[in-house]
Each structure stands twice: as C-alpha cells, then as structure tokens.
C-alpha cells in the first residue's frame, strides 16, 4: 500500500477514535455513556454511508468533479477517481487518434477495403476506393448484403469458403466490365472479414503485351533458325576438317536456340489456355515412355527405376501431361552425376494420386526452392548451360499442373538429391482400364520373368 494512502487511512481511523472517545467522555459527564456512544457511532456510520452514496452517484452519473480538500480516506478516494478519469480520458483520446489515423489511411488507399460481417455478409464499413472500384455508395450500402449488391460477381460461394477462399485474380468490376480486379478475402477475426479489391487492369494489359511480344519474337525466330539449320546440315565436316569443332559447336548452339524457342512458344500457348482437353491418360504406357526417354538421355550412365503402384489413370491432356512429366525426368537425368539413380513412382494418395521423380543428384539449396519454377531462373548458371537446359522446363510444368488443378512439391538436400512430386486431386483420377498392369505394358508375372532374365 502506498504511503499516502496508508497515512490517510490512519488519519481516518484516528478521527473515528477521537469522535468515539469524546462521545464516551461526554456520556460519562452526563451519566449516560452508552447511549451517547451509540448515537456517536451511528452518526459516524451514517456519515460514511453518505460519503459512499456520493461516490456511487458520481460513478453512475459519470461526473468528473475536482476532489475537495482534505486528507481522509474519502478525499483520497476522490483524488484516485479523478486521476483514473483523467487517465481514461487520455487513453480514449489516444485510441480515437489512432482510429482516426487508421481510417484516414484506409480511406486514402487506392485499393477498395470493405469490412464484412461474417454471418450476414453485410458491409459494415468501406473506403472511398470501394465506391470507384465496386460501386458501393455511402451510406446507402452500409448493412447491405454484398452478394446481392456486387452482382454480377459471384461472391456467395466465395464467402462460404471463408479462410479457404482463393483470391479472385481476374474479376470484372460491377462498375465497369473493362475494369479488372483482384479480390482477396482476409478473415482477421472470428466475426469480421476484410474484402480487398485491387485494380489490376494495367498489370493484365502489360502481361498481355509481354505474352504477345514473346510469342511474336519466338515465331519470328523460327524462320532464321530453320535457315541456319539448313546451311549447317549442308556443311560436311569431312570436307572441312579444320572446321569440325566449330561446326559441332554451331550445331549444338543452334539446337539449344531452337529448343529455347519451342519452350517459349509452349509457355505462350499454355498461358492463354483456360482449360485443356479432358482425355483418358493411360499411365502404364506413359510411364513406359518416360522410362525409354530417360534411358535414351542417360546413355547408360544412371540406374532408371519405374514403380507403377497406382492401378490408376488420369483425366487430362495426354500431350501436356507428358510434357510436364518429361521435363521432370530430363531434369533429373541432367543434374544427376554418372552412377546415380532416378526413380519414377506413380502411386495412389488418399482419393487422388501422386507421381514423383526422385534423383540422387546435386540437390537444390533451400533458398532457391521458392523461385525454382520461375522462367529462366537457374540455381547454377554454369551447370545449366553445360547440361543444355533452357530454364523454362519447370515453368512449363507449373502451368500444365495449374491447368490440371494439380500441385508441385519439391524436397531437396544439397548433395543428396531431389524429389519432385505432382499431386492430383480425386477429380483427376479414375481406375485403370483393363489391359495395362504396369509401366511396361506387361502383366505382373510377365514383368517378373523379364526381370529374372535380365538378372
């Protein structure tokens, strides 16, 4: 207990004792000590109840009166209440200042910000940009259901997903269909969500310009590359022995340039596609093809293992899936030293399936993994050039998987190798048709016989 409160308490007790002593002396003087003492005690109690009543009335009325002069307990209580009220008012002023600053900052944002009540999906507050981008009007649209107000945007199912709602990357604005928006739903509490809408029209236009430029340049490069190839094929190294190393290097670099152009065209084509053909992709012959490609690229320098455990086939584009799988397999062969192994495994995973390519190669540092699927991104530039890679293979894989609603997971340790796993949802998987039992197209017993003969 602080010293000033302790002294005030003792002074109050002293005053009470003094009153009772004086009452006792007065009662003895008139010959009736107990009645006088009783009246004095009741008076003291009544006075304290009266002071307590004043405090309660003051708290109820929220009055802020300066404390009176005095040094008793009740005066100290008045001073504490006054100080508490001062501190409370100061805190409120600070909080109001912070709130005004946050609201001013949110109002100044170029992005539309809407506070949404979770259960009713009604707008509780929005900034000025929400009027320009979403067409919300203040105060008419406060407490209005956003699902109805922001038609033709389909928001009901999106709100129903809650924390699992994926961002809408390209949505037409209710104000102007030519205005393209990026919508994000941020559940920042159990009761309220934040709807953020950003104008991405310029970004999408620039992205389209970039795609057109890459596609046009790639198409234009095809013709001169064809001419270069033709002239190089006409030159016989036997006729020009001294040019043999130069001709070989020119052939190698022109082929690398051709592969780069083909990969750029493939990426350009994938970027403009909304969906792919929905064919039945037989995985047994697919895996057998991947084995042959890996063995041809490896030239006997690696152990190639194919594990077909799925008994499943896929729905999707056979051409594009083969392109994605082949990119992973070719990368595994290129970046695995001689004597290493590459394992291609297709197996069920819950209601879906997973295809993984595991190698015992150089491995990828963890700091590079978040950017490994970016176009032209290279972990080691010198090693990529030596292996003949274009830096676009994993970008093609990512785009193909996005179109198949699949995801790519990468696990890697430097010096121990990497595992690239493609996870397919249940919608992309169906039981395997009769006639294919494994990756080689043979029955299980036939495959074992072949393996025994090879051993």
Protein backbone atom coordinates (compact mmCIF):
# COMPACT_ATOMS: atom_id res chain seq x y z
CA UNK A 1 0.00 0.00 0.00
CA UNK A 2 1.41 3.43 -0.92
CA UNK A 3 2.47 5.62 1.98
CA UNK A 4 -0.01 8.44 1.27
CA UNK A 5 -2.95 6.00 1.27
CA UNK A 6 -1.66 4.38 4.46
CA UNK A 7 -1.38 7.78 6.20
CA UNK A 8 -4.88 8.78 5.00
CA UNK A 9 -6.23 5.50 6.36
CA UNK A 10 -4.59 6.04 9.75
CA UNK A 11 -5.87 9.64 9.91
CA UNK A 12 -9.43 8.43 9.26
CA UNK A 13 -9.10 5.80 11.96
CA UNK A 14 -7.71 8.45 14.31
CA UNK A 15 -10.66 10.73 13.61
CA UNK A 16 -13.07 7.86 14.28
CA UNK A 17 -11.31 7.04 17.56
CA UNK A 18 -11.33 10.71 18.61
CA UNK A 19 -15.08 11.02 17.96
CA UNK A 20 -15.81 7.89 20.00
CA UNK A 21 -13.54 9.00 22.87
CA UNK A 22 -15.21 12.44 23.00
CA UNK A 23 -18.65 10.78 22.94
CA UNK A 24 -17.63 8.48 25.79
CA UNK A 25 -16.30 11.44 27.87
CA UNK A 26 -19.48 13.41 27.16
CA UNK A 27 -21.62 10.41 28.18
CA UNK A 28 -19.67 10.00 31.41
CA UNK A 29 -20.12 13.69 32.15
CA UNK A 30 -23.90 13.47 31.89
CA UNK A 31 -24.07 9.98 33.44
CA UNK A 32 -25.25 8.14 30.29
CA UNK A 33 -22.11 6.95 28.47
CA UNK A 34 -23.63 4.11 26.38
CA UNK A 35 -26.50 5.98 24.75
CA UNK A 36 -24.18 8.87 23.81
CA UNK A 37 -21.54 6.44 22.50
CA UNK A 38 -24.21 4.60 20.47
CA UNK A 39 -25.53 7.81 18.93
CA UNK A 40 -21.97 8.91 18.04
CA UNK A 41 -21.19 5.55 16.42
CA UNK A 42 -24.42 5.64 14.41
CA UNK A 43 -23.57 9.18 13.34
CA UNK A 44 -20.13 8.07 12.12
CA UNK A 45 -21.67 5.17 10.18
CA UNK A 46 -24.32 7.46 8.68
CA UNK A 47 -21.64 9.95 7.62
CA UNK A 48 -19.62 7.21 5.91
CA UNK A 49 -22.73 5.85 4.15
CA UNK A 50 -23.50 9.39 2.99
CA UNK A 51 -19.96 9.67 1.50
CA UNK A 52 -20.38 6.23 -0.10
CA UNK A 53 -23.70 7.34 -1.63
CA UNK A 54 -21.96 10.41 -3.13
CA UNK A 55 -19.32 8.17 -4.69
CA UNK A 56 -21.95 5.85 -6.19
CA UNK A 57 -23.97 8.78 -7.56
CA UNK A 58 -20.80 10.25 -9.00
CA UNK A 59 -19.90 6.97 -10.72
CA UNK A 60 -23.42 6.45 -12.01
CA UNK A 61 -23.68 9.95 -13.40
CA UNK A 62 -20.10 9.76 -14.72
CA UNK A 63 -19.44 13.15 -13.20
CA UNK A 64 -15.92 14.46 -13.29
CA UNK A 65 -15.61 16.82 -10.32
CA UNK A 66 -12.40 18.04 -8.82
CA UNK A 67 -11.71 16.40 -5.40
CA UNK A 68 -12.27 18.51 -2.31
CA UNK A 69 -9.59 19.47 0.12
CA UNK A 70 -8.87 17.09 2.96
CA UNK A 71 -6.65 14.26 3.99
CA UNK A 72 -9.05 11.46 4.85
CA UNK A 73 -9.79 8.16 3.11
CA UNK A 74 -12.76 9.57 1.21
CA UNK A 75 -10.75 12.55 -0.04
CA UNK A 76 -8.01 10.16 -1.19
CA UNK A 77 -10.67 8.07 -2.96
CA UNK A 78 -11.93 11.21 -4.70
CA UNK A 79 -8.42 12.04 -5.85
CA UNK A 80 -7.85 8.47 -7.14
CA UNK A 81 -11.15 8.54 -9.03
CA UNK A 82 -10.29 11.91 -10.56
CA UNK A 83 -6.85 10.67 -11.61
CA UNK A 84 -8.36 7.47 -13.04
CA UNK A 85 -10.86 9.51 -15.03
CA UNK A 86 -8.05 11.69 -16.36
CA UNK A 87 -6.03 8.65 -17.44
CA UNK A 88 -9.11 7.05 -19.00
CA UNK A 89 -9.87 10.18 -20.99
CA UNK A 90 -6.24 10.38 -22.15
CA UNK A 91 -6.35 6.73 -23.28
CA UNK A 92 -9.61 7.34 -25.12
CA UNK A 93 -8.13 10.37 -26.87
CA UNK A 94 -5.09 8.31 -27.93
CA UNK A 95 -7.27 5.45 -29.14
CA UNK A 96 -9.53 7.82 -31.05
CA UNK A 97 -6.49 9.44 -32.61
CA UNK A 98 -5.12 6.04 -33.68
CA UNK A 99 -8.54 5.01 -35.00
CA UNK A 100 -8.88 8.23 -37.00
CA UNK A 101 -5.35 7.74 -38.39
CA UNK A 102 -6.15 4.15 -39.44
CA UNK A 103 -9.43 5.18 -41.03
CA UNK A 104 -7.73 8.06 -42.85
CA UNK A 105 -5.03 5.66 -44.09
CA UNK A 106 -7.64 3.10 -45.23
CA UNK A 107 -9.63 5.86 -46.93
CA UNK A 108 -6.52 7.02 -48.79
CA UNK A 109 -5.65 3.55 -50.09
CA UNK A 110 -6.02 3.06 -53.85
CA UNK A 111 -7.39 -0.44 -53.12
CA UNK A 112 -11.01 -0.94 -52.13
CA UNK A 113 -11.32 -2.06 -48.49
CA UNK A 114 -14.64 -3.38 -47.13
CA UNK A 115 -15.24 -4.62 -43.58
CA UNK A 116 -17.70 -7.53 -43.84
CA UNK A 117 -19.76 -9.09 -41.05
CA UNK A 118 -19.11 -12.81 -41.30
CA UNK A 119 -22.53 -14.32 -40.62
CA UNK A 120 -24.71 -11.89 -42.59
CA UNK A 121 -22.07 -10.99 -45.23
CA UNK A 122 -23.09 -7.34 -44.87
CA UNK A 123 -20.83 -4.33 -45.39
CA UNK A 124 -20.07 -2.57 -42.10
CA UNK A 125 -17.59 -0.02 -43.47
CA UNK A 126 -15.79 0.75 -46.72
CA UNK A 127 -13.37 3.36 -48.02
CA UNK A 128 -13.64 5.77 -50.96
CA UNK A 129 -11.92 3.40 -53.39
CA UNK A 130 -14.75 0.89 -52.83
CA UNK A 131 -17.08 3.40 -54.48
CA UNK A 132 -14.83 3.73 -57.53
CA UNK A 133 -13.96 0.02 -57.94
CA UNK A 134 -17.02 -1.79 -56.53
CA UNK A 135 -19.77 0.83 -56.84
CA UNK A 136 -20.63 0.91 -53.13
CA UNK A 137 -22.37 4.13 -52.03
CA UNK A 138 -22.20 5.69 -48.57
CA UNK A 139 -24.39 5.44 -46.52
CA UNK A 140 -26.94 3.58 -48.69
CA UNK A 141 -24.91 0.38 -48.96
CA UNK A 142 -23.98 0.11 -45.28
CA UNK A 143 -25.51 -3.07 -43.86
CA UNK A 144 -26.35 -4.26 -47.38
CA UNK A 145 -25.60 -7.91 -48.37
CA UNK A 146 -22.52 -7.83 -50.61
CA UNK A 147 -23.54 -10.96 -52.52
CA UNK A 148 -26.58 -9.11 -53.87
CA UNK A 149 -25.01 -5.67 -54.09
CA UNK A 150 -21.94 -6.65 -56.12
CA UNK A 151 -23.67 -8.55 -58.90
CA UNK A 152 -22.61 -9.96 -61.35
CA UNK A 153 -19.67 -11.02 -59.15
CA UNK A 154 -20.37 -14.46 -57.71
CA UNK A 155 -19.45 -13.92 -54.07
CA UNK A 156 -21.81 -16.20 -52.12
CA UNK A 157 -19.80 -19.39 -52.64
CA UNK A 158 -16.59 -17.40 -52.25
CA UNK A 159 -17.68 -16.06 -48.85
CA UNK A 160 -18.84 -19.54 -47.86
CA UNK A 161 -15.25 -20.82 -48.30
CA UNK A 162 -14.13 -18.37 -45.59
CA UNK A 163 -10.47 -18.85 -44.67
CA UNK A 164 -10.04 -21.27 -47.58
CA UNK A 165 -11.26 -18.78 -50.19
CA UNK A 166 -8.77 -18.48 -53.04
CA UNK A 167 -8.07 -14.96 -54.38
CA UNK A 168 -10.03 -13.93 -57.46
CA UNK A 169 -7.16 -12.93 -59.73
CA UNK A 170 -9.17 -11.53 -62.63
CA UNK A 171 -12.74 -10.42 -61.91
CA UNK A 172 -14.83 -7.84 -63.77
CA UNK A 173 -15.77 -4.76 -61.74
CA UNK A 174 -19.53 -4.21 -61.14
CA UNK A 175 -18.91 -0.57 -62.12
CA UNK A 176 -17.15 -1.20 -65.45
CA UNK A 177 -16.67 -4.67 -67.05
CA UNK A 178 -13.44 -3.40 -68.63
CA UNK A 179 -12.03 -2.78 -65.16
CA UNK A 180 -10.31 -5.94 -63.94
CA UNK A 181 -10.00 -6.58 -60.21
CA UNK A 182 -8.00 -8.82 -57.93
CA UNK A 183 -10.20 -9.77 -54.94
CA UNK A 184 -8.88 -11.13 -51.65
CA UNK A 185 -10.83 -12.17 -48.54
CA UNK A 186 -8.91 -11.75 -45.27
CA UNK A 187 -10.59 -13.25 -42.14
CA UNK A 188 -8.90 -11.14 -39.48
CA UNK A 189 -11.25 -12.18 -36.62
CA UNK A 190 -14.00 -14.69 -35.87
CA UNK A 191 -16.71 -12.11 -36.60
CA UNK A 192 -15.32 -9.82 -39.28
CA UNK A 193 -13.64 -10.25 -42.66
CA UNK A 194 -11.77 -7.80 -44.81
CA UNK A 195 -12.55 -7.69 -48.54
CA UNK A 196 -9.70 -6.09 -50.52
CA UNK A 197 -10.13 -5.30 -54.23
CA UNK A 198 -7.22 -4.06 -56.37
CA UNK A 199 -7.33 -2.65 -59.87
CA UNK A 200 -5.06 -4.89 -61.98
CA UNK A 201 -6.20 -3.69 -65.41
CA UNK A 202 -2.83 -2.12 -66.26
CA UNK A 203 -0.90 -5.12 -64.95
CA UNK A 204 -3.00 -7.51 -67.02
CA UNK A 205 -2.55 -5.30 -70.07
CA UNK A 206 1.23 -5.27 -69.58
CA UNK A 207 1.20 -9.03 -69.08
CA UNK A 208 -0.73 -9.45 -72.33
CA UNK A 209 1.77 -7.21 -74.12
CA UNK A 210 4.60 -9.33 -72.75
CA UNK A 211 2.92 -12.56 -73.88
CA UNK A 212 2.30 -11.18 -77.35
CA UNK A 213 5.89 -9.98 -77.60
CA UNK A 214 7.34 -13.33 -76.53
CA UNK A 215 5.02 -15.26 -78.86
CA UNK A 216 5.75 -12.98 -81.84
CA UNK A 217 9.50 -12.98 -81.30
CA UNK A 218 9.53 -16.75 -80.90
CA UNK A 219 7.58 -17.20 -84.13
CA UNK A 220 9.85 -14.79 -85.97
CA UNK A 221 12.97 -16.63 -84.76
CA UNK A 222 11.78 -19.91 -86.23
CA UNK A 223 12.48 -18.89 -89.83
CA UNK A 224 16.10 -17.73 -89.44
CA UNK A 225 16.84 -20.75 -87.23
CA UNK A 226 15.48 -23.05 -89.94
CA UNK A 227 17.76 -21.36 -92.48
CA UNK A 228 20.78 -21.72 -90.17
CA UNK A 229 19.98 -25.39 -89.60
CA UNK A 230 19.71 -25.95 -93.35
CA UNK A 231 23.09 -24.44 -94.12
CA UNK A 232 24.74 -26.27 -91.21
CA UNK A 233 23.34 -29.58 -92.44
CA UNK A 234 24.79 -28.88 -95.88
CA UNK A 235 28.29 -28.48 -94.44
CA UNK A 236 30.01 -31.86 -94.17
CA UNK A 237 32.75 -31.84 -91.51
CA UNK A 238 34.69 -34.31 -93.68
CA UNK A 239 35.04 -31.63 -96.37
CA UNK A 240 36.36 -29.08 -93.88
CA UNK A 241 38.37 -30.99 -91.23
CA UNK A 242 39.71 -27.78 -89.69
CA UNK A 243 36.14 -26.53 -89.16
CA UNK A 244 34.90 -29.68 -87.41
CA UNK A 245 34.97 -28.26 -83.81
CA UNK A 246 33.36 -25.01 -84.95
CA UNK A 247 30.62 -26.80 -86.90
CA UNK A 248 29.88 -29.07 -83.92
CA UNK A 249 29.59 -26.08 -81.58
CA UNK A 250 27.37 -24.23 -84.08
CA UNK A 251 25.09 -27.28 -84.35
CA UNK A 252 24.91 -27.55 -80.57
CA UNK A 253 24.10 -23.87 -80.01
CA UNK A 254 21.56 -23.71 -82.84
CA UNK A 255 19.76 -26.74 -81.41
CA UNK A 256 19.80 -25.10 -77.98
CA UNK A 257 18.34 -21.93 -79.51
CA UNK A 258 15.66 -23.97 -81.27
CA UNK A 259 14.73 -25.69 -78.00
CA UNK A 260 14.51 -22.32 -76.26
CA UNK A 261 12.18 -21.00 -78.95
CA UNK A 262 10.00 -24.12 -78.72
CA UNK A 263 9.79 -23.79 -74.92
CA UNK A 264 8.84 -20.11 -75.21
CA UNK A 265 6.09 -20.97 -77.69
CA UNK A 266 4.84 -23.74 -75.39
CA UNK A 267 4.69 -21.31 -72.45
CA UNK A 268 2.89 -18.71 -74.54
CA UNK A 269 0.33 -21.29 -75.60
CA UNK A 270 -0.23 -22.54 -72.06
CA UNK A 271 -0.64 -19.02 -70.65
CA UNK A 272 -3.59 -18.21 -72.93
CA UNK A 273 -5.40 -21.52 -72.36
CA UNK A 274 -8.23 -21.61 -69.86
CA UNK A 275 -8.61 -25.38 -69.93
CA UNK A 276 -7.15 -28.40 -71.69
CA UNK A 277 -8.54 -31.47 -73.37
CA UNK A 278 -10.10 -33.92 -70.92
CA UNK A 279 -8.78 -37.22 -72.26
CA UNK A 280 -8.21 -40.51 -70.52
CA UNK A 281 -4.45 -40.60 -69.89
CA UNK A 282 -3.25 -44.21 -69.64
CA UNK A 283 -0.42 -44.09 -67.11
CA UNK A 284 1.14 -47.50 -67.89
CA UNK A 285 2.27 -46.57 -71.43
CA UNK A 286 3.04 -43.05 -70.19
CA UNK A 287 5.47 -44.40 -67.60
CA UNK A 288 6.96 -46.80 -70.15
CA UNK A 289 7.60 -43.83 -72.47
CA UNK A 290 9.21 -41.87 -69.65
CA UNK A 291 11.48 -44.84 -68.94
CA UNK A 292 12.61 -45.02 -72.58
CA UNK A 293 13.24 -41.28 -72.73
CA UNK A 294 15.24 -41.34 -69.51
CA UNK A 295 17.33 -44.29 -70.71
CA UNK A 296 17.98 -42.61 -74.07
CA UNK A 297 19.07 -39.38 -72.37
CA UNK A 298 21.11 -41.19 -69.74
CA UNK A 299 23.04 -43.37 -72.23
CA UNK A 300 23.58 -45.99 -69.54
CA UNK A 301 25.13 -43.57 -67.03
CA UNK A 302 22.30 -43.91 -64.48
CA UNK A 303 20.04 -46.55 -62.97
CA UNK A 304 16.46 -45.85 -64.09
CA UNK A 305 13.72 -47.32 -61.85
CA UNK A 306 9.97 -47.08 -62.58
CA UNK A 307 7.48 -48.00 -59.84
CA UNK A 308 3.87 -48.23 -61.01
CA UNK A 309 1.83 -48.80 -57.85
CA UNK A 310 -1.28 -46.89 -58.72
CA UNK A 311 -3.55 -49.11 -60.75
CA UNK A 312 -4.95 -45.72 -61.75
CA UNK A 313 -5.19 -43.50 -64.81
CA UNK A 314 -5.70 -39.75 -65.12
CA UNK A 315 -8.10 -37.32 -66.78
CA UNK A 316 -6.41 -34.53 -68.70
CA UNK A 317 -4.34 -33.65 -71.73
CA UNK A 318 -2.06 -36.54 -72.63
CA UNK A 319 0.27 -34.22 -74.58
CA UNK A 320 0.65 -31.61 -71.86
CA UNK A 321 1.00 -34.10 -69.00
CA UNK A 322 3.67 -35.96 -70.96
CA UNK A 323 5.45 -32.62 -71.46
CA UNK A 324 5.38 -31.91 -67.69
CA UNK A 325 6.47 -35.42 -66.67
CA UNK A 326 9.20 -35.49 -69.33
CA UNK A 327 10.59 -32.17 -68.11
CA UNK A 328 10.95 -33.52 -64.58
CA UNK A 329 12.57 -36.75 -65.78
CA UNK A 330 15.00 -34.98 -68.13
CA UNK A 331 15.99 -32.55 -65.36
CA UNK A 332 16.65 -35.48 -63.03
CA UNK A 333 18.93 -37.14 -65.61
CA UNK A 334 20.76 -33.89 -66.48
CA UNK A 335 21.50 -32.91 -62.89
CA UNK A 336 22.47 -36.36 -61.57
CA UNK A 337 26.14 -37.38 -61.88
CA UNK A 338 27.04 -40.65 -63.61
CA UNK A 339 26.44 -43.65 -61.38
CA UNK A 340 23.39 -42.10 -59.70
CA UNK A 341 19.79 -43.29 -59.86
CA UNK A 342 16.45 -41.83 -60.99
CA UNK A 343 13.22 -43.29 -59.59
CA UNK A 344 9.86 -42.55 -61.22
CA UNK A 345 6.96 -43.57 -58.99
CA UNK A 346 3.21 -43.38 -59.58
CA UNK A 347 1.04 -44.30 -56.59
CA UNK A 348 -2.36 -43.54 -55.01
CA UNK A 349 -2.56 -40.80 -52.40
CA UNK A 350 -5.82 -40.77 -50.49
CA UNK A 351 -8.54 -40.31 -53.07
CA UNK A 352 -6.03 -38.84 -55.54
CA UNK A 353 -2.64 -39.87 -56.88
CA UNK A 354 0.97 -38.71 -56.87
CA UNK A 355 3.71 -39.01 -59.47
CA UNK A 356 7.19 -38.42 -58.06
CA UNK A 357 10.61 -38.21 -59.69
CA UNK A 358 13.45 -38.80 -57.23
CA UNK A 359 17.13 -38.45 -58.10
CA UNK A 360 20.44 -38.72 -56.29
CA UNK A 361 21.88 -35.64 -57.93
CA UNK A 362 23.42 -32.40 -56.76
CA UNK A 363 20.38 -31.20 -54.84
CA UNK A 364 18.97 -27.67 -54.59
CA UNK A 365 19.76 -25.22 -51.76
CA UNK A 366 16.66 -24.38 -49.73
CA UNK A 367 16.96 -20.66 -50.50
CA UNK A 368 16.34 -21.38 -54.22
CA UNK A 369 13.23 -23.54 -53.81
CA UNK A 370 10.63 -20.70 -53.66
CA UNK A 371 11.80 -19.37 -57.07
CA UNK A 372 12.69 -22.62 -58.80
CA UNK A 373 9.58 -22.59 -61.04
CA UNK A 374 10.16 -19.03 -62.33
CA UNK A 375 11.02 -18.78 -66.01
CA UNK A 376 14.75 -18.55 -66.75
CA UNK A 377 15.59 -18.96 -63.05
CA UNK A 378 18.74 -21.03 -62.60
CA UNK A 379 20.27 -22.41 -59.44
CA UNK A 380 23.65 -22.78 -61.14
CA UNK A 381 24.11 -20.96 -64.43
CA UNK A 382 27.26 -22.79 -65.46
CA UNK A 383 25.81 -26.23 -64.73
CA UNK A 384 22.57 -25.41 -66.59
CA UNK A 385 24.48 -24.35 -69.69
CA UNK A 386 26.62 -27.46 -69.57
CA UNK A 387 23.52 -29.67 -69.36
CA UNK A 388 21.73 -27.82 -72.18
CA UNK A 389 18.75 -26.63 -70.14
CA UNK A 390 16.73 -23.57 -71.16
CA UNK A 391 15.49 -22.55 -67.69
CA UNK A 392 11.87 -22.88 -68.80
CA UNK A 393 11.13 -26.54 -68.03
CA UNK A 394 9.75 -26.07 -64.51
CA UNK A 395 7.74 -23.03 -65.64
CA UNK A 396 6.07 -25.24 -68.23
CA UNK A 397 5.46 -27.88 -65.55
CA UNK A 398 3.83 -25.30 -63.26
CA UNK A 399 1.49 -24.02 -65.98
CA UNK A 400 0.48 -27.53 -67.05
CA UNK A 401 -0.27 -28.52 -63.45
CA UNK A 402 -2.30 -25.36 -62.83
CA UNK A 403 -4.49 -26.26 -65.79
CA UNK A 404 -4.96 -29.75 -64.29
CA UNK A 405 -5.68 -28.43 -60.75
CA UNK A 406 -2.58 -30.27 -59.54
CA UNK A 407 0.27 -29.01 -57.39
CA UNK A 408 4.03 -29.48 -57.41
CA UNK A 409 6.01 -30.14 -54.23
CA UNK A 410 9.81 -30.10 -54.13
CA UNK A 411 12.03 -31.66 -51.49
CA UNK A 412 15.77 -31.37 -51.85
CA UNK A 413 19.00 -31.61 -49.89
CA UNK A 414 22.33 -30.46 -51.26
CA UNK A 415 24.49 -33.45 -52.12
CA UNK A 416 21.69 -35.98 -51.51
CA UNK A 417 19.31 -35.32 -54.38
CA UNK A 418 15.80 -34.01 -55.00
CA UNK A 419 12.23 -35.30 -55.18
CA UNK A 420 9.66 -33.56 -57.40
CA UNK A 421 6.12 -34.73 -56.58
CA UNK A 422 2.99 -33.96 -58.59
CA UNK A 423 -0.21 -34.34 -56.56
CA UNK A 424 -3.50 -34.92 -58.40
CA UNK A 425 -6.93 -34.47 -56.83
CA UNK A 426 -9.62 -37.16 -56.84
CA UNK A 427 -11.39 -35.45 -59.75
CA UNK A 428 -8.38 -36.15 -61.99
CA UNK A 429 -8.05 -39.85 -61.10
CA UNK A 430 -10.00 -42.93 -62.22
CA UNK A 431 -9.41 -46.71 -62.06
CA UNK A 432 -7.09 -48.12 -64.71
CA UNK A 433 -8.62 -49.72 -67.76
CA UNK A 434 -8.05 -53.45 -68.28
CA UNK A 435 -5.04 -54.34 -70.38
CA UNK A 436 -2.38 -52.24 -68.60
CA UNK A 437 -0.94 -53.61 -65.39
CA UNK A 438 2.31 -51.71 -65.10
CA UNK A 439 4.65 -49.24 -66.72
CA UNK A 440 5.92 -51.64 -69.40
CA UNK A 441 2.51 -52.73 -70.61
CA UNK A 442 3.10 -56.33 -69.39
CA UNK A 443 1.29 -58.29 -66.78
CA UNK A 444 2.92 -58.54 -63.36
CA UNK A 445 4.06 -62.16 -63.89
CA UNK A 446 5.50 -61.33 -67.35
CA UNK A 447 7.42 -58.40 -65.90
CA UNK A 448 8.96 -60.58 -63.18
CA UNK A 449 10.09 -63.11 -65.80
CA UNK A 450 11.77 -60.37 -67.82
CA UNK A 451 13.49 -59.06 -64.71
CA UNK A 452 14.75 -62.55 -63.84
CA UNK A 453 16.17 -62.95 -67.35
CA UNK A 454 17.90 -59.59 -67.13
CA UNK A 455 19.46 -60.56 -63.84
